[in-house]
C-alpha atoms as a PDB file:
ATOM      1  CA  MET A   1       0.066   0.101   0.211  1.00  0.00           C
ATOM      2  CA  ILE A   2       1.304   3.432  -1.037  1.00  0.00           C
ATOM      3  CA  HIS A   3       0.855   6.292   1.281  1.00  0.00           C
ATOM      4  CA  THR A   4       0.982  10.041   0.048  1.00  0.00           C
ATOM      5  CA  LEU A   5       2.790  12.334   2.413  1.00  0.00           C
ATOM      6  CA  VAL A   6       1.211  15.493   3.060  1.00  0.00           C
ATOM      7  CA  THR A   7       1.389  18.484   5.644  1.00  0.00           C
ATOM      8  CA  LYS A   8      -1.973  19.539   7.143  1.00  0.00           C
ATOM      9  CA  ALA A   9      -2.065  22.657   4.997  1.00  0.00           C
ATOM     10  CA  GLU A  10      -1.721  20.668   1.970  1.00  0.00           C
ATOM     11  CA  SER A  11      -4.284  18.583   2.899  1.00  0.00           C
ATOM     12  CA  ASP A  12      -6.345  21.627   3.948  1.00  0.00           C
ATOM     13  CA  GLU A  13      -5.843  23.000   0.606  1.00  0.00           C
ATOM     14  CA  MET A  14      -7.028  19.886  -1.122  1.00  0.00           C
ATOM     15  CA  LEU A  15     -10.012  19.693   0.724  1.00  0.00           C
ATOM     16  CA  ASP A  16     -10.625  23.492   0.002  1.00  0.00           C
ATOM     17  CA  GLN A  17     -10.316  22.839  -3.584  1.00  0.00           C
ATOM     18  CA  PHE A  18     -12.260  19.830  -3.431  1.00  0.00           C
ATOM     19  CA  LYS A  19     -15.120  21.538  -1.790  1.00  0.00           C
ATOM     20  CA  ALA A  20     -14.801  24.390  -4.279  1.00  0.00           C
ATOM     21  CA  ILE A  21     -15.543  22.294  -7.322  1.00  0.00           C
ATOM     22  CA  ASP A  22     -17.995  19.834  -5.568  1.00  0.00           C
ATOM     23  CA  LYS A  23     -21.145  22.086  -6.812  1.00  0.00           C
ATOM     24  CA  ASP A  24     -24.008  19.975  -5.484  1.00  0.00           C
ATOM     25  CA  GLY A  25     -21.739  19.676  -2.043  1.00  0.00           C
ATOM     26  CA  ASP A  26     -22.381  15.686  -1.818  1.00  0.00           C
ATOM     27  CA  GLY A  27     -18.823  14.770  -1.150  1.00  0.00           C
ATOM     28  CA  GLN A  28     -17.752  13.445  -4.560  1.00  0.00           C
ATOM     29  CA  LEU A  29     -16.827  14.763  -7.760  1.00  0.00           C
ATOM     30  CA  SER A  30     -18.650  13.588 -11.127  1.00  0.00           C
ATOM     31  CA  LYS A  31     -16.895  13.434 -14.426  1.00  0.00           C
ATOM     32  CA  GLN A  32     -18.483  17.330 -15.144  1.00  0.00           C
ATOM     33  CA  GLU A  33     -17.574  18.816 -11.761  1.00  0.00           C
ATOM     34  CA  LEU A  34     -14.141  17.528 -12.484  1.00  0.00           C
ATOM     35  CA  LEU A  35     -14.049  19.113 -15.955  1.00  0.00           C
ATOM     36  CA  ASP A  36     -15.692  22.323 -14.826  1.00  0.00           C
ATOM     37  CA  GLY A  37     -13.384  22.560 -11.838  1.00  0.00           C
ATOM     38  CA  TYR A  38     -10.092  21.969 -13.789  1.00  0.00           C
ATOM     39  CA  TYR A  39     -11.308  24.729 -16.367  1.00  0.00           C
ATOM     40  CA  LYS A  40     -11.935  26.919 -13.264  1.00  0.00           C
ATOM     41  CA  ILE A  41      -8.769  26.452 -11.536  1.00  0.00           C
ATOM     42  CA  TYR A  42      -6.289  26.225 -14.493  1.00  0.00           C
ATOM     43  CA  GLY A  43      -8.466  27.875 -17.025  1.00  0.00           C
ATOM     44  CA  VAL A  44      -7.860  25.015 -19.469  1.00  0.00           C
ATOM     45  CA  HIS A  45     -10.502  22.698 -20.733  1.00  0.00           C
ATOM     46  CA  LEU A  46      -9.422  18.963 -20.357  1.00  0.00           C
ATOM     47  CA  ASP A  47      -9.551  16.415 -23.397  1.00  0.00           C
ATOM     48  CA  GLN A  48     -11.732  13.261 -23.238  1.00  0.00           C
ATOM     49  CA  GLU A  49      -8.518  10.948 -22.556  1.00  0.00           C
ATOM     50  CA  THR A  50      -6.990  12.954 -20.031  1.00  0.00           C
ATOM     51  CA  THR A  51     -10.351  13.056 -18.009  1.00  0.00           C
ATOM     52  CA  ASP A  52     -10.580   9.347 -18.519  1.00  0.00           C
ATOM     53  CA  ASN A  53      -7.474   8.657 -17.431  1.00  0.00           C
ATOM     54  CA  LEU A  54      -7.792  10.933 -14.186  1.00  0.00           C
ATOM     55  CA  MET A  55     -11.250   9.346 -13.542  1.00  0.00           C
ATOM     56  CA  LYS A  56      -9.736   5.826 -13.934  1.00  0.00           C
ATOM     57  CA  ASN A  57      -6.824   6.595 -11.454  1.00  0.00           C
ATOM     58  CA  LEU A  58      -9.036   8.466  -8.744  1.00  0.00           C
ATOM     59  CA  ASP A  59     -12.108   6.696  -8.889  1.00  0.00           C
ATOM     60  CA  LYS A  60     -11.034   4.010  -6.541  1.00  0.00           C
ATOM     61  CA  ASN A  61     -14.202   2.258  -5.886  1.00  0.00           C
ATOM     62  CA  LYS A  62     -15.245   2.483  -9.323  1.00  0.00           C
ATOM     63  CA  SER A  63     -18.221   4.347  -8.510  1.00  0.00           C
ATOM     64  CA  GLY A  64     -18.124   6.955 -11.331  1.00  0.00           C
ATOM     65  CA  TYR A  65     -17.079   9.784  -9.191  1.00  0.00           C
ATOM     66  CA  ILE A  66     -14.072  10.780  -7.116  1.00  0.00           C
ATOM     67  CA  ASP A  67     -14.406  10.778  -3.089  1.00  0.00           C
ATOM     68  CA  TYR A  68     -12.378  12.769  -0.823  1.00  0.00           C
ATOM     69  CA  SER A  69     -11.664  10.467   1.583  1.00  0.00           C
ATOM     70  CA  GLY A  70      -8.796  12.408   3.322  1.00  0.00           C
ATOM     71  CA  LYS A  71      -7.018   9.589   4.360  1.00  0.00           C
ATOM     72  CA  LEU A  72      -3.605  10.903   3.676  1.00  0.00           C
ATOM     73  CA  ALA A  73      -0.556  10.292   5.780  1.00  0.00           C
ATOM     74  CA  LEU A  74       0.402  13.931   7.234  1.00  0.00           C
ATOM     75  CA  VAL A  75       4.052  14.830   7.881  1.00  0.00           C
END
C-alpha cells in the first residue's frame, strides 16, 4: 500500500479545492464537476483521454465519482 505524505496545510488546501468544485456539495466529484473545476482552477479544458485517465486513477471504488477520503499520511 502506498501512502501519500502531505502536510496538514496541503491536506487542508486539497480539501478546500475539492469543496470549491463539488457543485452539489455531496462529497464527491462527477466527471462534469471535474471538468468544470479543472477549467475554473487552471483555465484549460481537459481532453477526453486525460479526463478518462483521471477518472480511472482517482475513482478508486469504480463508482463513477471521485471521493475525497481525507486518508492522507500527514508529515
